[in-house]
Amino acid sequence: MASARKTLFTGSLTFVVGLALWLFGLDEEIVIFTPSKIGVVLMVLGGLETLYGVYKLKRPEDAAG
């Protein structure tokens, strides 16, 4: 159960960091990357990890192994 909550927390945190980069990095441009594009990627990855955390919380205990 702790692993599912940890996955849910880290996914949510990654999503929030990505959202902040996307919102506040629109006018910035660094030589190698654009913060807003990295923010979108982090939001997608954070959303997927959050959904996986929800799946781990909701699945039946006998299927957990």
Protein backbone atom coordinates (compact mmCIF):
# COMPACT_ATOMS: atom_id res chain seq x y z
CA MET A 1 0.00 0.00 0.00
CA ALA A 2 2.85 2.39 0.78
CA SER A 3 4.32 1.82 -2.66
CA ALA A 4 1.06 2.82 -4.34
CA ARG A 5 0.85 6.01 -2.29
CA LYS A 6 4.47 6.79 -3.06
CA THR A 7 3.81 6.33 -6.79
CA LEU A 8 0.73 8.52 -6.55
CA PHE A 9 2.66 11.24 -4.69
CA THR A 10 5.65 11.28 -7.03
CA GLY A 11 3.39 11.32 -10.08
CA SER A 12 1.42 14.25 -8.70
CA LEU A 13 4.62 16.11 -7.82
CA THR A 14 6.04 15.54 -11.31
CA PHE A 15 2.81 16.82 -12.84
CA VAL A 16 2.88 19.97 -10.70
CA VAL A 17 6.52 20.69 -11.57
CA GLY A 18 5.71 20.22 -15.25
CA LEU A 19 2.71 22.52 -14.94
CA ALA A 20 4.87 25.21 -13.32
CA LEU A 21 7.46 24.93 -16.09
CA TRP A 22 4.76 25.12 -18.74
CA LEU A 23 3.05 28.13 -17.17
CA PHE A 24 6.09 30.18 -16.25
CA GLY A 25 8.53 29.06 -18.93
CA LEU A 26 6.63 30.18 -22.01
CA ASP A 27 8.75 33.30 -22.57
CA GLU A 28 12.08 31.72 -21.64
CA GLU A 29 14.42 29.94 -24.00
CA ILE A 30 17.60 28.19 -22.94
CA VAL A 31 20.18 27.19 -25.56
CA ILE A 32 19.47 23.46 -25.34
CA PHE A 33 15.76 23.25 -24.47
CA THR A 34 12.58 25.25 -23.95
CA PRO A 35 11.16 24.98 -20.41
CA SER A 36 7.56 24.99 -21.65
CA LYS A 37 8.18 21.91 -23.83
CA ILE A 38 9.94 20.10 -20.99
CA GLY A 39 6.95 21.05 -18.81
CA VAL A 40 4.53 19.37 -21.20
CA VAL A 41 6.64 16.20 -21.20
CA LEU A 42 6.78 16.20 -17.39
CA MET A 43 3.01 16.72 -17.19
CA VAL A 44 2.41 13.71 -19.44
CA LEU A 45 4.82 11.52 -17.48
CA GLY A 46 3.44 12.72 -14.15
CA GLY A 47 -0.12 12.08 -15.28
CA LEU A 48 0.74 8.55 -16.38
CA GLU A 49 2.52 7.84 -13.10
CA THR A 50 -0.43 9.23 -11.14
CA LEU A 51 -2.83 7.00 -13.06
CA TYR A 52 -0.59 4.02 -12.35
CA GLY A 53 -0.64 4.91 -8.65
CA VAL A 54 -4.44 5.04 -8.70
CA TYR A 55 -4.49 1.66 -10.47
CA LYS A 56 -2.20 0.19 -7.81
CA LEU A 57 -4.46 1.51 -5.06
CA LYS A 58 -7.70 0.22 -6.62
CA ARG A 59 -6.66 -3.24 -7.80
CA PRO A 60 -7.82 -6.23 -5.74
CA GLU A 61 -5.40 -7.52 -3.13
CA ASP A 62 -5.40 -11.10 -4.48
CA ALA A 63 -4.22 -9.84 -7.89
CA ALA A 64 -1.40 -7.86 -6.26
CA GLY A 65 0.66 -10.98 -5.75
